[in-house]
Amino acid sequence: MVMQLHPSDFEQWRQGHAEPIVLDVREPWEVQAASVKANGFELKVIAMGEVPTRWQELDPNRPIACLCHHGMRSLQVARYLQQQGFAEVVNLQGGIDAWSSAVDPTVPRY
């Protein structure tokens, strides 16, 4: 079962984990339209369709928070990563849309 983490709780979660990764699984055009700013975490962008061939680029021992537009694609990716043996994976519930509303209103909504 993948833990659902609301973006408003991300900062507290991040502080409890060494070197977390936010994995943005949106398409490149979506990332260009709106993106989180890496602050205290590493931002890695791998579109959902590329994850099955690129997941080895991720460290399975680092905590990962998956992000998409509204949280559905990222939930699927989080489940996939858990199946590949990743120790700690959470889904950012509501995606970048919720991030914009709850964490950083300068992130454009689309």
C-alpha atoms as a PDB file:
ATOM      1  CA  MET A   1       0.000   0.000   0.000  1.00  0.00           C
ATOM      2  CA  VAL A   2       1.358   3.389  -1.008  1.00  0.00           C
ATOM      3  CA  MET A   3       1.179   6.154   1.583  1.00  0.00           C
ATOM      4  CA  GLN A   4      -0.737   9.207   0.386  1.00  0.00           C
ATOM      5  CA  LEU A   5       0.985  12.430   1.402  1.00  0.00           C
ATOM      6  CA  HIS A   6      -0.756  15.761   0.930  1.00  0.00           C
ATOM      7  CA  PRO A   7       1.618  18.456  -0.324  1.00  0.00           C
ATOM      8  CA  SER A   8       0.889  20.543   2.784  1.00  0.00           C
ATOM      9  CA  ASP A   9       2.513  17.721   4.819  1.00  0.00           C
ATOM     10  CA  PHE A  10       5.492  17.318   2.488  1.00  0.00           C
ATOM     11  CA  GLU A  11       7.851  19.660   4.340  1.00  0.00           C
ATOM     12  CA  GLN A  12       7.447  17.761   7.613  1.00  0.00           C
ATOM     13  CA  TRP A  13       7.914  14.436   5.774  1.00  0.00           C
ATOM     14  CA  ARG A  14      10.991  15.790   3.952  1.00  0.00           C
ATOM     15  CA  GLN A  15      12.642  16.912   7.178  1.00  0.00           C
ATOM     16  CA  GLY A  16      12.376  13.384   8.547  1.00  0.00           C
ATOM     17  CA  HIS A  17      14.225  11.852   5.593  1.00  0.00           C
ATOM     18  CA  ALA A  18      17.800  12.209   4.419  1.00  0.00           C
ATOM     19  CA  GLU A  19      18.225  13.168   0.766  1.00  0.00           C
ATOM     20  CA  PRO A  20      14.643  12.642  -0.450  1.00  0.00           C
ATOM     21  CA  ILE A  21      13.746  12.671  -4.128  1.00  0.00           C
ATOM     22  CA  VAL A  22      10.646  14.185  -5.679  1.00  0.00           C
ATOM     23  CA  LEU A  23      10.012  12.141  -8.794  1.00  0.00           C
ATOM     24  CA  ASP A  24       7.941  14.132 -11.275  1.00  0.00           C
ATOM     25  CA  VAL A  25       6.341  11.647 -13.674  1.00  0.00           C
ATOM     26  CA  ARG A  26       4.565  14.181 -15.902  1.00  0.00           C
ATOM     27  CA  GLU A  27       5.272  14.744 -19.580  1.00  0.00           C
ATOM     28  CA  PRO A  28       7.992  17.276 -20.513  1.00  0.00           C
ATOM     29  CA  TRP A  29       5.461  19.887 -21.682  1.00  0.00           C
ATOM     30  CA  GLU A  30       3.724  19.667 -18.297  1.00  0.00           C
ATOM     31  CA  VAL A  31       6.983  20.160 -16.417  1.00  0.00           C
ATOM     32  CA  GLN A  32       7.685  23.227 -18.567  1.00  0.00           C
ATOM     33  CA  ALA A  33       4.240  24.618 -17.755  1.00  0.00           C
ATOM     34  CA  ALA A  34       4.609  24.175 -13.985  1.00  0.00           C
ATOM     35  CA  SER A  35       7.252  22.674 -11.741  1.00  0.00           C
ATOM     36  CA  VAL A  36       8.201  22.509  -8.088  1.00  0.00           C
ATOM     37  CA  LYS A  37      11.396  24.193  -6.977  1.00  0.00           C
ATOM     38  CA  ALA A  38      13.913  21.793  -5.445  1.00  0.00           C
ATOM     39  CA  ASN A  39      14.488  23.008  -1.912  1.00  0.00           C
ATOM     40  CA  GLY A  40      15.899  20.452   0.487  1.00  0.00           C
ATOM     41  CA  PHE A  41      15.247  17.604  -1.920  1.00  0.00           C
ATOM     42  CA  GLU A  42      16.408  16.376  -5.319  1.00  0.00           C
ATOM     43  CA  LEU A  43      13.959  16.831  -8.188  1.00  0.00           C
ATOM     44  CA  LYS A  44      14.095  14.064 -10.791  1.00  0.00           C
ATOM     45  CA  VAL A  45      11.891  14.081 -13.890  1.00  0.00           C
ATOM     46  CA  ILE A  46      11.050  10.786 -15.585  1.00  0.00           C
ATOM     47  CA  ALA A  47       7.800  10.682 -17.549  1.00  0.00           C
ATOM     48  CA  MET A  48       5.510   7.853 -16.464  1.00  0.00           C
ATOM     49  CA  GLY A  49       5.911   6.024 -19.768  1.00  0.00           C
ATOM     50  CA  GLU A  50       9.698   5.968 -19.337  1.00  0.00           C
ATOM     51  CA  VAL A  51       9.745   4.663 -15.761  1.00  0.00           C
ATOM     52  CA  PRO A  52       9.814   0.943 -16.721  1.00  0.00           C
ATOM     53  CA  THR A  53      13.037   1.486 -18.695  1.00  0.00           C
ATOM     54  CA  ARG A  54      14.637   4.124 -16.430  1.00  0.00           C
ATOM     55  CA  TRP A  55      13.743   3.173 -12.845  1.00  0.00           C
ATOM     56  CA  GLN A  56      17.298   1.901 -12.317  1.00  0.00           C
ATOM     57  CA  GLU A  57      18.423   5.556 -12.364  1.00  0.00           C
ATOM     58  CA  LEU A  58      16.819   5.884  -8.919  1.00  0.00           C
ATOM     59  CA  ASP A  59      18.348   4.740  -5.633  1.00  0.00           C
ATOM     60  CA  PRO A  60      15.959   2.235  -4.012  1.00  0.00           C
ATOM     61  CA  ASN A  61      17.288   3.188  -0.573  1.00  0.00           C
ATOM     62  CA  ARG A  62      16.391   6.881  -0.840  1.00  0.00           C
ATOM     63  CA  PRO A  63      12.897   8.080   0.056  1.00  0.00           C
ATOM     64  CA  ILE A  64      10.871   9.057  -3.013  1.00  0.00           C
ATOM     65  CA  ALA A  65       7.763  11.218  -3.273  1.00  0.00           C
ATOM     66  CA  CYS A  66       6.037  10.753  -6.637  1.00  0.00           C
ATOM     67  CA  LEU A  67       4.323  13.730  -8.280  1.00  0.00           C
ATOM     68  CA  CYS A  68       2.077  14.242 -11.309  1.00  0.00           C
ATOM     69  CA  HIS A  69      -0.750  16.621 -12.218  1.00  0.00           C
ATOM     70  CA  HIS A  70      -3.490  15.355  -9.884  1.00  0.00           C
ATOM     71  CA  GLY A  71      -1.958  12.283  -8.233  1.00  0.00           C
ATOM     72  CA  MET A  72      -3.195   9.340 -10.300  1.00  0.00           C
ATOM     73  CA  ARG A  73      -0.172   8.688 -12.540  1.00  0.00           C
ATOM     74  CA  SER A  74       2.182   9.211  -9.629  1.00  0.00           C
ATOM     75  CA  LEU A  75       0.230   6.688  -7.561  1.00  0.00           C
ATOM     76  CA  GLN A  76       0.674   4.098 -10.306  1.00  0.00           C
ATOM     77  CA  VAL A  77       4.407   4.842 -10.485  1.00  0.00           C
ATOM     78  CA  ALA A  78       4.738   4.662  -6.697  1.00  0.00           C
ATOM     79  CA  ARG A  79       3.116   1.216  -6.721  1.00  0.00           C
ATOM     80  CA  TYR A  80       5.441   0.118  -9.520  1.00  0.00           C
ATOM     81  CA  LEU A  81       8.521   1.304  -7.619  1.00  0.00           C
ATOM     82  CA  GLN A  82       7.382  -0.567  -4.513  1.00  0.00           C
ATOM     83  CA  GLN A  83       7.107  -3.717  -6.629  1.00  0.00           C
ATOM     84  CA  GLN A  84      10.695  -3.133  -7.749  1.00  0.00           C
ATOM     85  CA  GLY A  85      11.828  -3.163  -4.111  1.00  0.00           C
ATOM     86  CA  PHE A  86      12.040   0.539  -3.286  1.00  0.00           C
ATOM     87  CA  ALA A  87      12.108   0.941   0.488  1.00  0.00           C
ATOM     88  CA  GLU A  88      10.064   4.134   0.927  1.00  0.00           C
ATOM     89  CA  VAL A  89       7.797   5.594  -1.707  1.00  0.00           C
ATOM     90  CA  VAL A  90       4.909   8.007  -1.133  1.00  0.00           C
ATOM     91  CA  ASN A  91       2.437   9.615  -3.488  1.00  0.00           C
ATOM     92  CA  LEU A  92       1.899  13.364  -3.409  1.00  0.00           C
ATOM     93  CA  GLN A  93      -1.873  13.362  -3.265  1.00  0.00           C
ATOM     94  CA  GLY A  94      -3.481  15.923  -5.542  1.00  0.00           C
ATOM     95  CA  GLY A  95      -0.264  16.386  -7.510  1.00  0.00           C
ATOM     96  CA  ILE A  96       1.194  19.674  -8.630  1.00  0.00           C
ATOM     97  CA  ASP A  97      -2.285  21.167  -8.639  1.00  0.00           C
ATOM     98  CA  ALA A  98      -2.562  20.629  -4.871  1.00  0.00           C
ATOM     99  CA  TRP A  99       1.078  21.731  -4.445  1.00  0.00           C
ATOM    100  CA  SER A 100       0.199  25.050  -6.093  1.00  0.00           C
ATOM    101  CA  SER A 101      -2.827  25.506  -3.828  1.00  0.00           C
ATOM    102  CA  ALA A 102      -1.274  24.388  -0.543  1.00  0.00           C
ATOM    103  CA  VAL A 103       2.495  24.968  -0.761  1.00  0.00           C
ATOM    104  CA  ASP A 104       3.572  27.392  -3.489  1.00  0.00           C
ATOM    105  CA  PRO A 105       0.977  29.583  -5.205  1.00  0.00           C
ATOM    106  CA  THR A 106       3.634  30.812  -7.651  1.00  0.00           C
ATOM    107  CA  VAL A 107       3.469  27.403  -9.355  1.00  0.00           C
ATOM    108  CA  PRO A 108       1.053  27.869 -12.262  1.00  0.00           C
ATOM    109  CA  ARG A 109      -2.074  25.744 -12.371  1.00  0.00           C
ATOM    110  CA  TYR A 110      -3.071  24.175 -15.659  1.00  0.00           C
END
